[in-house]
């Protein structure tokens, strides 16, 4: 399961082996200065938080969503499992506008 590690001035998104394969991505790093806010949502599938098209990545609706969600104006990295709560990290001046991760 994806884990966010707070290391000095960096936030590191540590992905498992299967998340790296399914999401076509390696671990992500971002400066804490780029973090705008961190929020928790109960059900990302229904909350309207997901937008865009998954490319690349893997998905089974309401079971898992791993990878990049692309939309007009940006992209998000997701690692969502089942109907569990998620943490949404919002960033400025970074490749991804948001990380959306199951807790």
PDB file of N, CA and C in Angstrom:
ATOM      1  N   UNK A   1       0.844  -1.180   0.000  1.00  0.00           N
ATOM      2  CA  UNK A   1       0.000   0.000   0.000  1.00  0.00           C
ATOM      3  C   UNK A   1       0.888   1.241   0.000  1.00  0.00           C
ATOM      4  N   UNK A   2       0.508   2.251  -0.731  1.00  0.00           N
ATOM      5  CA  UNK A   2       1.272   3.497  -0.822  1.00  0.00           C
ATOM      6  C   UNK A   2       1.375   4.160   0.544  1.00  0.00           C
ATOM      7  N   UNK A   3       2.572   4.644   0.863  1.00  0.00           N
ATOM      8  CA  UNK A   3       2.832   5.275   2.150  1.00  0.00           C
ATOM      9  C   UNK A   3       3.541   6.598   1.921  1.00  0.00           C
ATOM     10  N   UNK A   4       3.110   7.629   2.635  1.00  0.00           N
ATOM     11  CA  UNK A   4       3.782   8.924   2.561  1.00  0.00           C
ATOM     12  C   UNK A   4       4.754   9.018   3.726  1.00  0.00           C
ATOM     13  N   UNK A   5       6.007   9.290   3.403  1.00  0.00           N
ATOM     14  CA  UNK A   5       7.065   9.405   4.400  1.00  0.00           C
ATOM     15  C   UNK A   5       7.482  10.865   4.483  1.00  0.00           C
ATOM     16  N   UNK A   6       7.481  11.393   5.702  1.00  0.00           N
ATOM     17  CA  UNK A   6       7.892  12.774   5.969  1.00  0.00           C
ATOM     18  C   UNK A   6       9.378  12.747   6.313  1.00  0.00           C
ATOM     19  N   UNK A   7      10.206  13.217   5.397  1.00  0.00           N
ATOM     20  CA  UNK A   7      11.650  13.139   5.572  1.00  0.00           C
ATOM     21  C   UNK A   7      12.269  14.532   5.394  1.00  0.00           C
ATOM     22  N   UNK A   8      12.490  15.227   6.511  1.00  0.00           N
ATOM     23  CA  UNK A   8      13.068  16.569   6.437  1.00  0.00           C
ATOM     24  C   UNK A   8      12.138  17.516   5.724  1.00  0.00           C
ATOM     25  N   UNK A   9      12.604  18.093   4.621  1.00  0.00           N
ATOM     26  CA  UNK A   9      11.804  19.035   3.848  1.00  0.00           C
ATOM     27  C   UNK A   9      11.097  18.350   2.675  1.00  0.00           C
ATOM     28  N   UNK A  10      11.110  17.005   2.653  1.00  0.00           N
ATOM     29  CA  UNK A  10      10.499  16.265   1.549  1.00  0.00           C
ATOM     30  C   UNK A  10       9.342  15.403   2.012  1.00  0.00           C
ATOM     31  N   UNK A  11       8.366  15.245   1.130  1.00  0.00           N
ATOM     32  CA  UNK A  11       7.341  14.217   1.276  1.00  0.00           C
ATOM     33  C   UNK A  11       7.653  13.177   0.206  1.00  0.00           C
ATOM     34  N   UNK A  12       7.766  11.928   0.616  1.00  0.00           N
ATOM     35  CA  UNK A  12       8.093  10.851  -0.311  1.00  0.00           C
ATOM     36  C   UNK A  12       6.918   9.891  -0.349  1.00  0.00           C
ATOM     37  N   UNK A  13       6.405   9.636  -1.536  1.00  0.00           N
ATOM     38  CA  UNK A  13       5.339   8.660  -1.716  1.00  0.00           C
ATOM     39  C   UNK A  13       6.002   7.344  -2.080  1.00  0.00           C
ATOM     40  N   UNK A  14       6.040   6.434  -1.128  1.00  0.00           N
ATOM     41  CA  UNK A  14       6.674   5.129  -1.295  1.00  0.00           C
ATOM     42  C   UNK A  14       5.618   4.146  -1.792  1.00  0.00           C
ATOM     43  N   UNK A  15       5.851   3.590  -2.977  1.00  0.00           N
ATOM     44  CA  UNK A  15       4.917   2.653  -3.587  1.00  0.00           C
ATOM     45  C   UNK A  15       5.412   1.226  -3.429  1.00  0.00           C
ATOM     46  N   UNK A  16       4.477   0.291  -3.287  1.00  0.00           N
ATOM     47  CA  UNK A  16       4.848  -1.122  -3.231  1.00  0.00           C
ATOM     48  C   UNK A  16       5.273  -1.570  -4.636  1.00  0.00           C
ATOM     49  N   UNK A  17       5.841  -2.748  -4.700  1.00  0.00           N
ATOM     50  CA  UNK A  17       6.275  -3.310  -5.985  1.00  0.00           C
ATOM     51  C   UNK A  17       5.109  -3.360  -6.975  1.00  0.00           C
ATOM     52  N   UNK A  18       3.949  -3.864  -6.539  1.00  0.00           N
ATOM     53  CA  UNK A  18       2.795  -4.007  -7.433  1.00  0.00           C
ATOM     54  C   UNK A  18       2.196  -2.656  -7.815  1.00  0.00           C
ATOM     55  N   UNK A  19       2.273  -1.669  -6.928  1.00  0.00           N
ATOM     56  CA  UNK A  19       1.792  -0.326  -7.265  1.00  0.00           C
ATOM     57  C   UNK A  19       2.681   0.310  -8.326  1.00  0.00           C
ATOM     58  N   UNK A  20       3.964   0.062  -8.245  1.00  0.00           N
ATOM     59  CA  UNK A  20       4.882   0.577  -9.272  1.00  0.00           C
ATOM     60  C   UNK A  20       4.566  -0.047 -10.627  1.00  0.00           C
ATOM     61  N   UNK A  21       4.273  -1.330 -10.634  1.00  0.00           N
ATOM     62  CA  UNK A  21       3.942  -2.016 -11.894  1.00  0.00           C
ATOM     63  C   UNK A  21       2.578  -1.557 -12.413  1.00  0.00           C
ATOM     64  N   UNK A  22       1.546  -1.579 -11.548  1.00  0.00           N
ATOM     65  CA  UNK A  22       0.191  -1.204 -11.966  1.00  0.00           C
ATOM     66  C   UNK A  22       0.052   0.264 -12.319  1.00  0.00           C
ATOM     67  N   UNK A  23       0.775   1.119 -11.625  1.00  0.00           N
ATOM     68  CA  UNK A  23       0.685   2.556 -11.863  1.00  0.00           C
ATOM     69  C   UNK A  23       1.702   3.089 -12.844  1.00  0.00           C
ATOM     70  N   UNK A  24       2.590   2.208 -13.341  1.00  0.00           N
ATOM     71  CA  UNK A  24       3.647   2.612 -14.270  1.00  0.00           C
ATOM     72  C   UNK A  24       4.433   3.806 -13.728  1.00  0.00           C
ATOM     73  N   UNK A  25       4.800   3.726 -12.452  1.00  0.00           N
ATOM     74  CA  UNK A  25       5.497   4.853 -11.828  1.00  0.00           C
ATOM     75  C   UNK A  25       6.453   4.365 -10.763  1.00  0.00           C
ATOM     76  N   UNK A  26       7.437   5.208 -10.451  1.00  0.00           N
ATOM     77  CA  UNK A  26       8.346   4.938  -9.341  1.00  0.00           C
ATOM     78  C   UNK A  26       7.918   5.787  -8.151  1.00  0.00           C
ATOM     79  N   UNK A  27       8.647   5.696  -7.043  1.00  0.00           N
ATOM     80  CA  UNK A  27       8.350   6.520  -5.874  1.00  0.00           C
ATOM     81  C   UNK A  27       8.396   8.000  -6.255  1.00  0.00           C
ATOM     82  N   UNK A  28       7.542   8.806  -5.625  1.00  0.00           N
ATOM     83  CA  UNK A  28       7.456  10.239  -5.925  1.00  0.00           C
ATOM     84  C   UNK A  28       8.004  11.050  -4.761  1.00  0.00           C
ATOM     85  N   UNK A  29       8.628  12.176  -5.076  1.00  0.00           N
ATOM     86  CA  UNK A  29       9.159  13.079  -4.053  1.00  0.00           C
ATOM     87  C   UNK A  29       8.723  14.498  -4.370  1.00  0.00           C
ATOM     88  N   UNK A  30       8.414  15.253  -3.308  1.00  0.00           N
ATOM     89  CA  UNK A  30       8.037  16.652  -3.474  1.00  0.00           C
ATOM     90  C   UNK A  30       8.469  17.428  -2.235  1.00  0.00           C
ATOM     91  N   UNK A  31       8.814  18.683  -2.426  1.00  0.00           N
ATOM     92  CA  UNK A  31       9.168  19.545  -1.311  1.00  0.00           C
ATOM     93  C   UNK A  31       7.918  19.895  -0.513  1.00  0.00           C
ATOM     94  N   UNK A  32       8.049  19.946   0.812  1.00  0.00           N
ATOM     95  CA  UNK A  32       6.908  20.321   1.666  1.00  0.00           C
ATOM     96  C   UNK A  32       6.435  21.737   1.373  1.00  0.00           C
ATOM     97  N   UNK A  33       7.311  22.581   0.825  1.00  0.00           N
ATOM     98  CA  UNK A  33       6.932  23.957   0.478  1.00  0.00           C
ATOM     99  C   UNK A  33       5.829  23.980  -0.573  1.00  0.00           C
ATOM    100  N   UNK A  34       5.720  22.919  -1.366  1.00  0.00           N
ATOM    101  CA  UNK A  34       4.712  22.852  -2.429  1.00  0.00           C
ATOM    102  C   UNK A  34       3.357  22.344  -1.939  1.00  0.00           C
ATOM    103  N   UNK A  35       3.298  21.840  -0.706  1.00  0.00           N
ATOM    104  CA  UNK A  35       2.042  21.319  -0.163  1.00  0.00           C
ATOM    105  C   UNK A  35       1.105  22.471   0.197  1.00  0.00           C
ATOM    106  N   UNK A  36      -0.091  22.468  -0.382  1.00  0.00           N
ATOM    107  CA  UNK A  36      -1.098  23.487  -0.087  1.00  0.00           C
ATOM    108  C   UNK A  36      -1.959  23.041   1.078  1.00  0.00           C
ATOM    109  N   UNK A  37      -2.505  21.814   0.973  1.00  0.00           N
ATOM    110  CA  UNK A  37      -3.353  21.299   2.059  1.00  0.00           C
ATOM    111  C   UNK A  37      -3.440  19.780   1.964  1.00  0.00           C
ATOM    112  N   UNK A  38      -3.848  19.205   3.083  1.00  0.00           N
ATOM    113  CA  UNK A  38      -4.043  17.765   3.203  1.00  0.00           C
ATOM    114  C   UNK A  38      -5.436  17.562   3.794  1.00  0.00           C
ATOM    115  N   UNK A  39      -6.299  16.832   3.091  1.00  0.00           N
ATOM    116  CA  UNK A  39      -7.658  16.602   3.573  1.00  0.00           C
ATOM    117  C   UNK A  39      -7.984  15.109   3.528  1.00  0.00           C
ATOM    118  N   UNK A  40      -8.953  14.715   4.336  1.00  0.00           N
ATOM    119  CA  UNK A  40      -9.405  13.329   4.383  1.00  0.00           C
ATOM    120  C   UNK A  40     -10.841  13.273   3.863  1.00  0.00           C
ATOM    121  N   UNK A  41     -11.107  12.293   2.990  1.00  0.00           N
ATOM    122  CA  UNK A  41     -12.449  12.093   2.436  1.00  0.00           C
ATOM    123  C   UNK A  41     -12.887  10.665   2.696  1.00  0.00           C
ATOM    124  N   UNK A  42     -14.156  10.486   3.007  1.00  0.00           N
ATOM    125  CA  UNK A  42     -14.679   9.171   3.367  1.00  0.00           C
ATOM    126  C   UNK A  42     -14.810   8.231   2.164  1.00  0.00           C
ATOM    127  N   UNK A  43     -15.298   8.714   1.030  1.00  0.00           N
ATOM    128  CA  UNK A  43     -15.532   7.847  -0.126  1.00  0.00           C
ATOM    129  C   UNK A  43     -15.163   8.588  -1.411  1.00  0.00           C
ATOM    130  N   UNK A  44     -13.945   8.382  -1.927  1.00  0.00           N
ATOM    131  CA  UNK A  44     -13.515   9.123  -3.116  1.00  0.00           C
ATOM    132  C   UNK A  44     -14.310   8.785  -4.367  1.00  0.00           C
ATOM    133  N   UNK A  45     -14.901   7.603  -4.412  1.00  0.00           N
ATOM    134  CA  UNK A  45     -15.658   7.196  -5.591  1.00  0.00           C
ATOM    135  C   UNK A  45     -16.935   8.026  -5.750  1.00  0.00           C
ATOM    136  N   UNK A  46     -17.491   8.503  -4.655  1.00  0.00           N
ATOM    137  CA  UNK A  46     -18.750   9.247  -4.691  1.00  0.00           C
ATOM    138  C   UNK A  46     -18.580  10.738  -4.390  1.00  0.00           C
ATOM    139  N   UNK A  47     -17.452  11.154  -3.869  1.00  0.00           N
ATOM    140  CA  UNK A  47     -17.261  12.536  -3.400  1.00  0.00           C
ATOM    141  C   UNK A  47     -16.972  13.522  -4.520  1.00  0.00           C
ATOM    142  N   UNK A  48     -16.852  13.061  -5.752  1.00  0.00           N
ATOM    143  CA  UNK A  48     -16.556  13.968  -6.858  1.00  0.00           C
ATOM    144  C   UNK A  48     -15.100  14.405  -6.893  1.00  0.00           C
ATOM    145  N   UNK A  49     -14.248  13.727  -6.172  1.00  0.00           N
ATOM    146  CA  UNK A  49     -12.834  14.094  -6.121  1.00  0.00           C
ATOM    147  C   UNK A  49     -12.069  13.566  -7.337  1.00  0.00           C
ATOM    148  N   UNK A  50     -12.509  12.461  -7.894  1.00  0.00           N
ATOM    149  CA  UNK A  50     -11.827  11.881  -9.048  1.00  0.00           C
ATOM    150  C   UNK A  50     -12.281  12.574 -10.318  1.00  0.00           C
ATOM    151  N   UNK A  51     -11.306  12.923 -11.153  1.00  0.00           N
ATOM    152  CA  UNK A  51     -11.645  13.554 -12.423  1.00  0.00           C
ATOM    153  C   UNK A  51     -10.633  13.152 -13.474  1.00  0.00           C
ATOM    154  N   UNK A  52     -11.053  13.210 -14.717  1.00  0.00           N
ATOM    155  CA  UNK A  52     -10.161  12.917 -15.819  1.00  0.00           C
ATOM    156  C   UNK A  52     -10.174  11.479 -16.252  1.00  0.00           C
ATOM    157  N   UNK A  53      -9.119  11.124 -16.976  1.00  0.00           N
ATOM    158  CA  UNK A  53      -8.968   9.806 -17.574  1.00  0.00           C
ATOM    159  C   UNK A  53      -7.697   9.175 -17.026  1.00  0.00           C
ATOM    160  N   UNK A  54      -7.784   7.912 -16.674  1.00  0.00           N
ATOM    161  CA  UNK A  54      -6.617   7.205 -16.160  1.00  0.00           C
ATOM    162  C   UNK A  54      -5.688   6.851 -17.317  1.00  0.00           C
ATOM    163  N   UNK A  55      -4.465   7.359 -17.259  1.00  0.00           N
ATOM    164  CA  UNK A  55      -3.492   7.060 -18.302  1.00  0.00           C
ATOM    165  C   UNK A  55      -2.105   7.484 -17.857  1.00  0.00           C
ATOM    166  N   UNK A  56      -1.207   6.632 -17.559  1.00  0.00           N
ATOM    167  CA  UNK A  56      -1.321   5.184 -17.494  1.00  0.00           C
ATOM    168  C   UNK A  56      -1.751   4.738 -16.104  1.00  0.00           C
ATOM    169  N   UNK A  57      -2.045   3.457 -15.992  1.00  0.00           N
ATOM    170  CA  UNK A  57      -2.422   2.900 -14.702  1.00  0.00           C
ATOM    171  C   UNK A  57      -3.331   1.698 -14.850  1.00  0.00           C
ATOM    172  N   UNK A  58      -3.876   1.262 -13.711  1.00  0.00           N
ATOM    173  CA  UNK A  58      -4.756   0.095 -13.678  1.00  0.00           C
ATOM    174  C   UNK A  58      -5.964   0.427 -12.819  1.00  0.00           C
ATOM    175  N   UNK A  59      -7.112  -0.149 -13.189  1.00  0.00           N
ATOM    176  CA  UNK A  59      -8.328   0.140 -12.425  1.00  0.00           C
ATOM    177  C   UNK A  59      -9.346  -0.976 -12.548  1.00  0.00           C
ATOM    178  N   UNK A  60     -10.055  -1.208 -11.456  1.00  0.00           N
ATOM    179  CA  UNK A  60     -11.288  -1.996 -11.405  1.00  0.00           C
ATOM    180  C   UNK A  60     -12.231  -1.112 -10.590  1.00  0.00           C
ATOM    181  N   UNK A  61     -13.296  -0.572 -11.210  1.00  0.00           N
ATOM    182  CA  UNK A  61     -14.154   0.386 -10.508  1.00  0.00           C
ATOM    183  C   UNK A  61     -14.618  -0.107  -9.138  1.00  0.00           C
ATOM    184  N   UNK A  62     -14.499   0.763  -8.163  1.00  0.00           N
ATOM    185  CA  UNK A  62     -14.876   0.546  -6.771  1.00  0.00           C
ATOM    186  C   UNK A  62     -14.018  -0.505  -6.056  1.00  0.00           C
ATOM    187  N   UNK A  63     -12.972  -0.991  -6.711  1.00  0.00           N
ATOM    188  CA  UNK A  63     -12.067  -1.957  -6.088  1.00  0.00           C
ATOM    189  C   UNK A  63     -10.671  -1.365  -5.952  1.00  0.00           C
ATOM    190  N   UNK A  64     -10.122  -0.829  -7.055  1.00  0.00           N
ATOM    191  CA  UNK A  64      -8.811  -0.195  -7.002  1.00  0.00           C
ATOM    192  C   UNK A  64      -8.626   0.757  -8.176  1.00  0.00           C
ATOM    193  N   UNK A  65      -7.814   1.773  -7.932  1.00  0.00           N
ATOM    194  CA  UNK A  65      -7.444   2.738  -8.963  1.00  0.00           C
ATOM    195  C   UNK A  65      -6.019   3.165  -8.660  1.00  0.00           C
ATOM    196  N   UNK A  66      -5.098   2.777  -9.527  1.00  0.00           N
ATOM    197  CA  UNK A  66      -3.690   3.087  -9.324  1.00  0.00           C
ATOM    198  C   UNK A  66      -3.152   3.718 -10.595  1.00  0.00           C
ATOM    199  N   UNK A  67      -2.532   4.877 -10.474  1.00  0.00           N
ATOM    200  CA  UNK A  67      -1.889   5.496 -11.622  1.00  0.00           C
ATOM    201  C   UNK A  67      -2.192   6.975 -11.734  1.00  0.00           C
ATOM    202  N   UNK A  68      -1.998   7.489 -12.928  1.00  0.00           N
ATOM    203  CA  UNK A  68      -2.147   8.909 -13.217  1.00  0.00           C
ATOM    204  C   UNK A  68      -3.529   9.186 -13.793  1.00  0.00           C
ATOM    205  N   UNK A  69      -4.205  10.176 -13.224  1.00  0.00           N
ATOM    206  CA  UNK A  69      -5.477  10.656 -13.764  1.00  0.00           C
ATOM    207  C   UNK A  69      -5.194  11.986 -14.447  1.00  0.00           C
ATOM    208  N   UNK A  70      -5.421  12.050 -15.751  1.00  0.00           N
ATOM    209  CA  UNK A  70      -5.146  13.265 -16.530  1.00  0.00           C
ATOM    210  C   UNK A  70      -6.450  13.993 -16.841  1.00  0.00           C
ATOM    211  N   UNK A  71      -6.421  15.305 -16.705  1.00  0.00           N
ATOM    212  CA  UNK A  71      -7.582  16.138 -16.998  1.00  0.00           C
ATOM    213  C   UNK A  71      -7.080  17.497 -17.456  1.00  0.00           C
ATOM    214  N   UNK A  72      -7.987  18.284 -18.026  1.00  0.00           N
ATOM    215  CA  UNK A  72      -7.612  19.614 -18.503  1.00  0.00           C
ATOM    216  C   UNK A  72      -7.123  20.432 -17.312  1.00  0.00           C
ATOM    217  N   UNK A  73      -5.914  20.906 -17.391  1.00  0.00           N
ATOM    218  CA  UNK A  73      -5.365  21.739 -16.324  1.00  0.00           C
ATOM    219  C   UNK A  73      -4.459  21.009 -15.353  1.00  0.00           C
ATOM    220  N   UNK A  74      -4.268  19.686 -15.533  1.00  0.00           N
ATOM    221  CA  UNK A  74      -3.364  19.007 -14.622  1.00  0.00           C
ATOM    222  C   UNK A  74      -3.516  17.503 -14.609  1.00  0.00           C
ATOM    223  N   UNK A  75      -2.875  16.919 -13.593  1.00  0.00           N
ATOM    224  CA  UNK A  75      -2.978  15.476 -13.412  1.00  0.00           C
ATOM    225  C   UNK A  75      -2.800  15.141 -11.936  1.00  0.00           C
ATOM    226  N   UNK A  76      -3.376  14.007 -11.536  1.00  0.00           N
ATOM    227  CA  UNK A  76      -3.309  13.522 -10.157  1.00  0.00           C
ATOM    228  C   UNK A  76      -2.678  12.137 -10.158  1.00  0.00           C
ATOM    229  N   UNK A  77      -2.039  11.773  -9.039  1.00  0.00           N
ATOM    230  CA  UNK A  77      -1.590  10.396  -8.857  1.00  0.00           C
ATOM    231  C   UNK A  77      -2.512   9.750  -7.834  1.00  0.00           C
ATOM    232  N   UNK A  78      -3.044   8.572  -8.163  1.00  0.00           N
ATOM    233  CA  UNK A  78      -3.987   7.908  -7.274  1.00  0.00           C
ATOM    234  C   UNK A  78      -3.506   6.510  -6.899  1.00  0.00           C
ATOM    235  N   UNK A  79      -3.800   6.122  -5.670  1.00  0.00           N
ATOM    236  CA  UNK A  79      -3.624   4.750  -5.190  1.00  0.00           C
ATOM    237  C   UNK A  79      -4.791   4.528  -4.221  1.00  0.00           C
ATOM    238  N   UNK A  80      -5.926   4.128  -4.789  1.00  0.00           N
ATOM    239  CA  UNK A  80      -7.176   4.012  -4.034  1.00  0.00           C
ATOM    240  C   UNK A  80      -7.615   2.555  -4.025  1.00  0.00           C
ATOM    241  N   UNK A  81      -8.038   2.079  -2.847  1.00  0.00           N
ATOM    242  CA  UNK A  81      -8.470   0.698  -2.696  1.00  0.00           C
ATOM    243  C   UNK A  81      -9.836   0.635  -2.034  1.00  0.00           C
ATOM    244  N   UNK A  82     -10.718  -0.140  -2.650  1.00  0.00           N
ATOM    245  CA  UNK A  82     -12.070  -0.393  -2.155  1.00  0.00           C
ATOM    246  C   UNK A  82     -12.788   0.908  -1.798  1.00  0.00           C
ATOM    247  N   UNK A  83     -13.596   0.897  -0.784  1.00  0.00           N
ATOM    248  CA  UNK A  83     -14.355   2.093  -0.383  1.00  0.00           C
ATOM    249  C   UNK A  83     -13.809   2.663   0.921  1.00  0.00           C
ATOM    250  N   UNK A  84     -12.506   2.582   1.066  1.00  0.00           N
ATOM    251  CA  UNK A  84     -11.851   3.094   2.267  1.00  0.00           C
ATOM    252  C   UNK A  84     -11.624   4.597   2.146  1.00  0.00           C
ATOM    253  N   UNK A  85     -11.496   5.286   3.283  1.00  0.00           N
ATOM    254  CA  UNK A  85     -11.201   6.730   3.255  1.00  0.00           C
ATOM    255  C   UNK A  85      -9.862   7.010   2.579  1.00  0.00           C
ATOM    256  N   UNK A  86      -9.752   8.195   2.003  1.00  0.00           N
ATOM    257  CA  UNK A  86      -8.516   8.608   1.343  1.00  0.00           C
ATOM    258  C   UNK A  86      -8.000   9.918   1.938  1.00  0.00           C
ATOM    259  N   UNK A  87      -6.706  10.130   1.751  1.00  0.00           N
ATOM    260  CA  UNK A  87      -6.077  11.402   2.083  1.00  0.00           C
ATOM    261  C   UNK A  87      -5.733  12.062   0.759  1.00  0.00           C
ATOM    262  N   UNK A  88      -6.101  13.331   0.613  1.00  0.00           N
ATOM    263  CA  UNK A  88      -5.815  14.086  -0.600  1.00  0.00           C
ATOM    264  C   UNK A  88      -4.764  15.143  -0.263  1.00  0.00           C
ATOM    265  N   UNK A  89      -3.610  15.032  -0.909  1.00  0.00           N
ATOM    266  CA  UNK A  89      -2.540  16.015  -0.766  1.00  0.00           C
ATOM    267  C   UNK A  89      -2.609  16.918  -1.988  1.00  0.00           C
ATOM    268  N   UNK A  90      -2.764  18.236  -1.779  1.00  0.00           N
ATOM    269  CA  UNK A  90      -2.830  19.181  -2.890  1.00  0.00           C
ATOM    270  C   UNK A  90      -1.535  19.974  -2.950  1.00  0.00           C
ATOM    271  N   UNK A  91      -0.999  20.135  -4.185  1.00  0.00           N
ATOM    272  CA  UNK A  91       0.303  20.776  -4.375  1.00  0.00           C
ATOM    273  C   UNK A  91       0.235  21.949  -5.342  1.00  0.00           C
ATOM    274  N   UNK A  92       1.211  22.828  -5.213  1.00  0.00           N
ATOM    275  CA  UNK A  92       1.446  23.892  -6.199  1.00  0.00           C
ATOM    276  C   UNK A  92       2.825  23.651  -6.802  1.00  0.00           C
ATOM    277  N   UNK A  93       3.054  24.089  -8.011  1.00  0.00           N
ATOM    278  CA  UNK A  93       4.353  24.003  -8.677  1.00  0.00           C
ATOM    279  C   UNK A  93       4.969  22.611  -8.610  1.00  0.00           C
ATOM    280  N   UNK A  94       4.193  21.593  -9.004  1.00  0.00           N
ATOM    281  CA  UNK A  94       4.666  20.213  -8.974  1.00  0.00           C
ATOM    282  C   UNK A  94       4.009  19.464 -10.130  1.00  0.00           C
ATOM    283  N   UNK A  95       4.626  18.376 -10.575  1.00  0.00           N
ATOM    284  CA  UNK A  95       4.075  17.573 -11.683  1.00  0.00           C
ATOM    285  C   UNK A  95       2.613  17.205 -11.477  1.00  0.00           C
ATOM    286  N   UNK A  96       2.294  16.766 -10.271  1.00  0.00           N
ATOM    287  CA  UNK A  96       0.932  16.354  -9.954  1.00  0.00           C
ATOM    288  C   UNK A  96       0.249  17.433  -9.120  1.00  0.00           C
ATOM    289  N   UNK A  97      -0.991  17.733  -9.449  1.00  0.00           N
ATOM    290  CA  UNK A  97      -1.768  18.681  -8.648  1.00  0.00           C
ATOM    291  C   UNK A  97      -2.151  18.053  -7.312  1.00  0.00           C
ATOM    292  N   UNK A  98      -2.410  16.717  -7.331  1.00  0.00           N
ATOM    293  CA  UNK A  98      -2.837  16.030  -6.109  1.00  0.00           C
ATOM    294  C   UNK A  98      -2.307  14.603  -6.071  1.00  0.00           C
ATOM    295  N   UNK A  99      -2.119  14.110  -4.851  1.00  0.00           N
ATOM    296  CA  UNK A  99      -1.972  12.688  -4.582  1.00  0.00           C
ATOM    297  C   UNK A  99      -3.248  12.292  -3.869  1.00  0.00           C
ATOM    298  N   UNK A 100      -3.905  11.240  -4.321  1.00  0.00           N
ATOM    299  CA  UNK A 100      -5.123  10.750  -3.686  1.00  0.00           C
ATOM    300  C   UNK A 100      -4.844   9.310  -3.268  1.00  0.00           C
ATOM    301  N   UNK A 101      -4.753   9.082  -1.951  1.00  0.00           N
ATOM    302  CA  UNK A 101      -4.246   7.816  -1.437  1.00  0.00           C
ATOM    303  C   UNK A 101      -5.143   7.234  -0.361  1.00  0.00           C
ATOM    304  N   UNK A 102      -5.368   5.930  -0.419  1.00  0.00           N
ATOM    305  CA  UNK A 102      -6.088   5.255   0.648  1.00  0.00           C
ATOM    306  C   UNK A 102      -5.250   5.324   1.920  1.00  0.00           C
ATOM    307  N   UNK A 103      -5.930   5.567   3.044  1.00  0.00           N
ATOM    308  CA  UNK A 103      -5.233   5.662   4.336  1.00  0.00           C
ATOM    309  C   UNK A 103      -4.732   4.323   4.773  1.00  0.00           C
TER     310      UNK A 103
END
